[in-house]
PDB file of all heavy atoms in Angstrom:
ATOM      1  N   ARG A   1       0.829  -1.201  -0.001  1.00  0.00           N
ATOM      2  CA  ARG A   1      -0.003   0.007  -0.002  1.00  0.00           C
ATOM      3  C   ARG A   1       0.865   1.260   0.000  1.00  0.00           C
ATOM      4  O   ARG A   1       0.554   2.225  -0.688  1.00  0.00           O
ATOM      5  CB  ARG A   1      -0.941  -0.020   1.197  1.00  0.00           C
ATOM      6  CG  ARG A   1      -2.029  -1.080   1.021  1.00  0.00           C
ATOM      7  CD  ARG A   1      -3.011  -1.167   2.138  1.00  0.00           C
ATOM      8  NE  ARG A   1      -3.561   0.136   2.452  1.00  0.00           N
ATOM      9  CZ  ARG A   1      -3.882   0.497   3.697  1.00  0.00           C
ATOM     10  NH1 ARG A   1      -3.690  -0.309   4.691  1.00  0.00           N
ATOM     11  NH2 ARG A   1      -4.385   1.670   3.916  1.00  0.00           N
ATOM     12  N   ILE A   2       1.946   1.230   0.746  1.00  0.00           N
ATOM     13  CA  ILE A   2       2.857   2.393   0.781  1.00  0.00           C
ATOM     14  C   ILE A   2       3.515   2.589  -0.587  1.00  0.00           C
ATOM     15  O   ILE A   2       3.594   3.696  -1.099  1.00  0.00           O
ATOM     16  CB  ILE A   2       3.904   2.250   1.900  1.00  0.00           C
ATOM     17  CG1 ILE A   2       3.218   2.401   3.258  1.00  0.00           C
ATOM     18  CG2 ILE A   2       5.021   3.270   1.761  1.00  0.00           C
ATOM     19  CD1 ILE A   2       4.080   2.056   4.440  1.00  0.00           C
ATOM     20  N   PHE A   3       3.971   1.488  -1.179  1.00  0.00           N
ATOM     21  CA  PHE A   3       4.582   1.580  -2.489  1.00  0.00           C
ATOM     22  C   PHE A   3       3.613   2.118  -3.526  1.00  0.00           C
ATOM     23  O   PHE A   3       3.960   3.022  -4.313  1.00  0.00           O
ATOM     24  CB  PHE A   3       5.096   0.202  -2.944  1.00  0.00           C
ATOM     25  CG  PHE A   3       5.575   0.180  -4.365  1.00  0.00           C
ATOM     26  CD1 PHE A   3       6.804   0.742  -4.716  1.00  0.00           C
ATOM     27  CD2 PHE A   3       4.792  -0.366  -5.369  1.00  0.00           C
ATOM     28  CE1 PHE A   3       7.227   0.760  -6.019  1.00  0.00           C
ATOM     29  CE2 PHE A   3       5.205  -0.357  -6.688  1.00  0.00           C
ATOM     30  CZ  PHE A   3       6.438   0.203  -7.014  1.00  0.00           C
ATOM     31  N   LEU A   4       2.364   1.625  -3.523  1.00  0.00           N
ATOM     32  CA  LEU A   4       1.385   2.122  -4.497  1.00  0.00           C
ATOM     33  C   LEU A   4       0.999   3.581  -4.228  1.00  0.00           C
ATOM     34  O   LEU A   4       0.793   4.333  -5.160  1.00  0.00           O
ATOM     35  CB  LEU A   4       0.136   1.214  -4.472  1.00  0.00           C
ATOM     36  CG  LEU A   4       0.357  -0.200  -5.019  1.00  0.00           C
ATOM     37  CD1 LEU A   4      -0.897  -1.053  -4.841  1.00  0.00           C
ATOM     38  CD2 LEU A   4       0.734  -0.128  -6.500  1.00  0.00           C
ATOM     39  N   SER A   5       0.968   3.959  -2.972  1.00  0.00           N
ATOM     40  CA  SER A   5       0.700   5.372  -2.645  1.00  0.00           C
ATOM     41  C   SER A   5       1.820   6.269  -3.153  1.00  0.00           C
ATOM     42  O   SER A   5       1.556   7.353  -3.698  1.00  0.00           O
ATOM     43  CB  SER A   5       0.524   5.542  -1.139  1.00  0.00           C
ATOM     44  OG  SER A   5      -0.695   4.978  -0.728  1.00  0.00           O
ATOM     45  N   LEU A   6       3.051   5.827  -2.978  1.00  0.00           N
ATOM     46  CA  LEU A   6       4.198   6.614  -3.501  1.00  0.00           C
ATOM     47  C   LEU A   6       4.154   6.664  -5.021  1.00  0.00           C
ATOM     48  O   LEU A   6       4.455   7.720  -5.619  1.00  0.00           O
ATOM     49  CB  LEU A   6       5.509   6.000  -3.026  1.00  0.00           C
ATOM     50  CG  LEU A   6       5.839   6.210  -1.553  1.00  0.00           C
ATOM     51  CD1 LEU A   6       7.096   5.435  -1.165  1.00  0.00           C
ATOM     52  CD2 LEU A   6       6.014   7.679  -1.245  1.00  0.00           C
ATOM     53  N   LEU A   7       3.759   5.584  -5.650  1.00  0.00           N
ATOM     54  CA  LEU A   7       3.643   5.573  -7.111  1.00  0.00           C
ATOM     55  C   LEU A   7       2.563   6.575  -7.564  1.00  0.00           C
ATOM     56  O   LEU A   7       2.795   7.343  -8.499  1.00  0.00           O
ATOM     57  CB  LEU A   7       3.307   4.172  -7.588  1.00  0.00           C
ATOM     58  CG  LEU A   7       3.216   3.970  -9.097  1.00  0.00           C
ATOM     59  CD1 LEU A   7       4.567   4.276  -9.748  1.00  0.00           C
ATOM     60  CD2 LEU A   7       2.758   2.560  -9.421  1.00  0.00           C
ATOM     61  N   TYR A   8       1.418   6.588  -6.884  1.00  0.00           N
ATOM     62  CA  TYR A   8       0.382   7.565  -7.178  1.00  0.00           C
ATOM     63  C   TYR A   8       0.929   8.993  -7.012  1.00  0.00           C
ATOM     64  O   TYR A   8       0.644   9.864  -7.808  1.00  0.00           O
ATOM     65  CB  TYR A   8      -0.831   7.405  -6.253  1.00  0.00           C
ATOM     66  CG  TYR A   8      -1.907   6.463  -6.762  1.00  0.00           C
ATOM     67  CD1 TYR A   8      -2.349   5.441  -5.990  1.00  0.00           C
ATOM     68  CD2 TYR A   8      -2.480   6.655  -8.008  1.00  0.00           C
ATOM     69  CE1 TYR A   8      -3.351   4.573  -6.423  1.00  0.00           C
ATOM     70  CE2 TYR A   8      -3.489   5.819  -8.456  1.00  0.00           C
ATOM     71  CZ  TYR A   8      -3.917   4.783  -7.655  1.00  0.00           C
ATOM     72  OH  TYR A   8      -4.903   3.951  -8.096  1.00  0.00           O
ATOM     73  N   ALA A   9       1.670   9.218  -5.962  1.00  0.00           N
ATOM     74  CA  ALA A   9       2.203  10.556  -5.706  1.00  0.00           C
ATOM     75  C   ALA A   9       3.181  10.989  -6.797  1.00  0.00           C
ATOM     76  O   ALA A   9       3.118  12.121  -7.299  1.00  0.00           O
ATOM     77  CB  ALA A   9       2.886  10.598  -4.335  1.00  0.00           C
ATOM     78  N   VAL A  10       4.064  10.098  -7.198  1.00  0.00           N
ATOM     79  CA  VAL A  10       5.024  10.398  -8.247  1.00  0.00           C
ATOM     80  C   VAL A  10       4.310  10.677  -9.568  1.00  0.00           C
ATOM     81  O   VAL A  10       4.610  11.640 -10.287  1.00  0.00           O
ATOM     82  CB  VAL A  10       6.067   9.277  -8.420  1.00  0.00           C
ATOM     83  CG1 VAL A  10       6.883   9.424  -9.683  1.00  0.00           C
ATOM     84  CG2 VAL A  10       6.989   9.230  -7.207  1.00  0.00           C
ATOM     85  N   LEU A  11       3.327   9.838  -9.899  1.00  0.00           N
ATOM     86  CA  LEU A  11       2.558  10.038 -11.145  1.00  0.00           C
ATOM     87  C   LEU A  11       1.753  11.336 -11.080  1.00  0.00           C
ATOM     88  O   LEU A  11       1.629  12.050 -12.107  1.00  0.00           O
ATOM     89  CB  LEU A  11       1.641   8.847 -11.386  1.00  0.00           C
ATOM     90  CG  LEU A  11       2.316   7.554 -11.775  1.00  0.00           C
ATOM     91  CD1 LEU A  11       1.296   6.414 -11.839  1.00  0.00           C
ATOM     92  CD2 LEU A  11       3.057   7.696 -13.085  1.00  0.00           C
ATOM     93  N   ALA A  12       1.228  11.679  -9.916  1.00  0.00           N
ATOM     94  CA  ALA A  12       0.453  12.913  -9.781  1.00  0.00           C
ATOM     95  C   ALA A  12       1.343  14.129 -10.006  1.00  0.00           C
ATOM     96  O   ALA A  12       0.968  15.041 -10.760  1.00  0.00           O
ATOM     97  CB  ALA A  12      -0.184  12.992  -8.402  1.00  0.00           C
ATOM     98  N   ILE A  13       2.521  14.128  -9.406  1.00  0.00           N
ATOM     99  CA  ILE A  13       3.435  15.269  -9.538  1.00  0.00           C
ATOM    100  C   ILE A  13       3.945  15.387 -10.980  1.00  0.00           C
ATOM    101  O   ILE A  13       3.901  16.450 -11.591  1.00  0.00           O
ATOM    102  CB  ILE A  13       4.599  15.153  -8.540  1.00  0.00           C
ATOM    103  CG1 ILE A  13       4.078  15.344  -7.117  1.00  0.00           C
ATOM    104  CG2 ILE A  13       5.694  16.161  -8.849  1.00  0.00           C
ATOM    105  CD1 ILE A  13       5.053  14.954  -6.039  1.00  0.00           C
ATOM    106  N   SER A  14       4.418  14.261 -11.530  1.00  0.00           N
ATOM    107  CA  SER A  14       4.987  14.323 -12.904  1.00  0.00           C
ATOM    108  C   SER A  14       3.897  14.619 -13.920  1.00  0.00           C
ATOM    109  O   SER A  14       4.126  15.388 -14.863  1.00  0.00           O
ATOM    110  CB  SER A  14       5.731  13.034 -13.236  1.00  0.00           C
ATOM    111  OG  SER A  14       4.842  11.934 -13.244  1.00  0.00           O
ATOM    112  N   GLY A  15       2.714  14.056 -13.761  1.00  0.00           N
ATOM    113  CA  GLY A  15       1.612  14.322 -14.685  1.00  0.00           C
ATOM    114  C   GLY A  15       1.155  15.760 -14.618  1.00  0.00           C
ATOM    115  O   GLY A  15       0.888  16.383 -15.658  1.00  0.00           O
ATOM    116  N   THR A  16       1.054  16.290 -13.417  1.00  0.00           N
ATOM    117  CA  THR A  16       0.618  17.687 -13.258  1.00  0.00           C
ATOM    118  C   THR A  16       1.640  18.632 -13.896  1.00  0.00           C
ATOM    119  O   THR A  16       1.277  19.531 -14.659  1.00  0.00           O
ATOM    120  CB  THR A  16       0.413  18.012 -11.775  1.00  0.00           C
ATOM    121  OG1 THR A  16      -0.581  17.141 -11.249  1.00  0.00           O
ATOM    122  CG2 THR A  16       0.015  19.459 -11.582  1.00  0.00           C
ATOM    123  N   LEU A  17       2.911  18.429 -13.583  1.00  0.00           N
ATOM    124  CA  LEU A  17       3.961  19.310 -14.143  1.00  0.00           C
ATOM    125  C   LEU A  17       4.014  19.232 -15.661  1.00  0.00           C
ATOM    126  O   LEU A  17       4.121  20.267 -16.319  1.00  0.00           O
ATOM    127  CB  LEU A  17       5.316  18.961 -13.524  1.00  0.00           C
ATOM    128  CG  LEU A  17       5.483  19.299 -12.054  1.00  0.00           C
ATOM    129  CD1 LEU A  17       6.850  18.821 -11.558  1.00  0.00           C
ATOM    130  CD2 LEU A  17       5.328  20.775 -11.815  1.00  0.00           C
ATOM    131  N   SER A  18       3.962  18.041 -16.220  1.00  0.00           N
ATOM    132  CA  SER A  18       4.058  17.920 -17.685  1.00  0.00           C
ATOM    133  C   SER A  18       2.839  18.485 -18.383  1.00  0.00           C
ATOM    134  O   SER A  18       2.987  19.153 -19.429  1.00  0.00           O
ATOM    135  CB  SER A  18       4.323  16.467 -18.107  1.00  0.00           C
ATOM    136  OG  SER A  18       3.314  15.628 -17.628  1.00  0.00           O
ATOM    137  N   ASN A  19       1.653  18.302 -17.844  1.00  0.00           N
ATOM    138  CA  ASN A  19       0.464  18.876 -18.467  1.00  0.00           C
ATOM    139  C   ASN A  19       0.461  20.405 -18.356  1.00  0.00           C
ATOM    140  O   ASN A  19       0.074  21.081 -19.329  1.00  0.00           O
ATOM    141  CB  ASN A  19      -0.803  18.278 -17.852  1.00  0.00           C
ATOM    142  CG  ASN A  19      -1.104  16.899 -18.381  1.00  0.00           C
ATOM    143  OD1 ASN A  19      -1.239  16.715 -19.576  1.00  0.00           O
ATOM    144  ND2 ASN A  19      -1.212  15.948 -17.491  1.00  0.00           N
ATOM    145  N   VAL A  20       0.865  20.921 -17.203  1.00  0.00           N
ATOM    146  CA  VAL A  20       0.938  22.368 -17.062  1.00  0.00           C
ATOM    147  C   VAL A  20       1.977  22.937 -18.048  1.00  0.00           C
ATOM    148  O   VAL A  20       1.769  23.993 -18.650  1.00  0.00           O
ATOM    149  CB  VAL A  20       1.263  22.765 -15.606  1.00  0.00           C
ATOM    150  CG1 VAL A  20       1.682  24.206 -15.476  1.00  0.00           C
ATOM    151  CG2 VAL A  20       0.061  22.470 -14.720  1.00  0.00           C
ATOM    152  N   MET A  21       3.086  22.240 -18.253  1.00  0.00           N
ATOM    153  CA  MET A  21       4.121  22.702 -19.159  1.00  0.00           C
ATOM    154  C   MET A  21       3.605  22.744 -20.603  1.00  0.00           C
ATOM    155  O   MET A  21       3.849  23.707 -21.331  1.00  0.00           O
ATOM    156  CB  MET A  21       5.360  21.801 -19.102  1.00  0.00           C
ATOM    157  CG  MET A  21       6.526  22.348 -19.894  1.00  0.00           C
ATOM    158  SD  MET A  21       8.011  21.312 -19.953  1.00  0.00           S
ATOM    159  CE  MET A  21       8.052  20.533 -18.392  1.00  0.00           C
ATOM    160  N   VAL A  22       2.864  21.697 -21.008  1.00  0.00           N
ATOM    161  CA  VAL A  22       2.309  21.716 -22.369  1.00  0.00           C
ATOM    162  C   VAL A  22       1.341  22.889 -22.547  1.00  0.00           C
ATOM    163  O   VAL A  22       1.408  23.593 -23.561  1.00  0.00           O
ATOM    164  CB  VAL A  22       1.617  20.369 -22.669  1.00  0.00           C
ATOM    165  CG1 VAL A  22       0.813  20.442 -23.965  1.00  0.00           C
ATOM    166  CG2 VAL A  22       2.643  19.237 -22.751  1.00  0.00           C
ATOM    167  N   ILE A  23       0.458  23.078 -21.579  1.00  0.00           N
ATOM    168  CA  ILE A  23      -0.493  24.187 -21.675  1.00  0.00           C
ATOM    169  C   ILE A  23       0.237  25.520 -21.721  1.00  0.00           C
ATOM    170  O   ILE A  23      -0.086  26.399 -22.526  1.00  0.00           O
ATOM    171  CB  ILE A  23      -1.489  24.132 -20.500  1.00  0.00           C
ATOM    172  CG1 ILE A  23      -2.376  22.886 -20.624  1.00  0.00           C
ATOM    173  CG2 ILE A  23      -2.331  25.391 -20.418  1.00  0.00           C
ATOM    174  CD1 ILE A  23      -3.220  22.600 -19.376  1.00  0.00           C
ATOM    175  N   TYR A  24       1.232  25.707 -20.886  1.00  0.00           N
ATOM    176  CA  TYR A  24       2.017  26.946 -20.875  1.00  0.00           C
ATOM    177  C   TYR A  24       2.697  27.166 -22.218  1.00  0.00           C
ATOM    178  O   TYR A  24       2.686  28.292 -22.732  1.00  0.00           O
ATOM    179  CB  TYR A  24       3.053  26.873 -19.754  1.00  0.00           C
ATOM    180  CG  TYR A  24       4.073  27.991 -19.831  1.00  0.00           C
ATOM    181  CD1 TYR A  24       3.741  29.284 -19.477  1.00  0.00           C
ATOM    182  CD2 TYR A  24       5.356  27.747 -20.321  1.00  0.00           C
ATOM    183  CE1 TYR A  24       4.664  30.294 -19.562  1.00  0.00           C
ATOM    184  CE2 TYR A  24       6.295  28.733 -20.419  1.00  0.00           C
ATOM    185  CZ  TYR A  24       5.962  30.022 -20.040  1.00  0.00           C
ATOM    186  OH  TYR A  24       6.870  31.026 -20.162  1.00  0.00           O
ATOM    187  N   LEU A  25       3.311  26.152 -22.780  1.00  0.00           N
ATOM    188  CA  LEU A  25       4.024  26.312 -24.051  1.00  0.00           C
ATOM    189  C   LEU A  25       3.076  26.692 -25.186  1.00  0.00           C
ATOM    190  O   LEU A  25       3.377  27.560 -25.995  1.00  0.00           O
ATOM    191  CB  LEU A  25       4.792  25.043 -24.405  1.00  0.00           C
ATOM    192  CG  LEU A  25       6.025  24.778 -23.537  1.00  0.00           C
ATOM    193  CD1 LEU A  25       6.589  23.388 -23.848  1.00  0.00           C
ATOM    194  CD2 LEU A  25       7.065  25.855 -23.736  1.00  0.00           C
TER     195      LEU A  25
END
């Protein structure tokens, strides 16, 4: 459960940053 929660957190951060970057560009 901890591993999957960390995976969700990493995907949330990387997905948010990359989508915001595409919109900004």
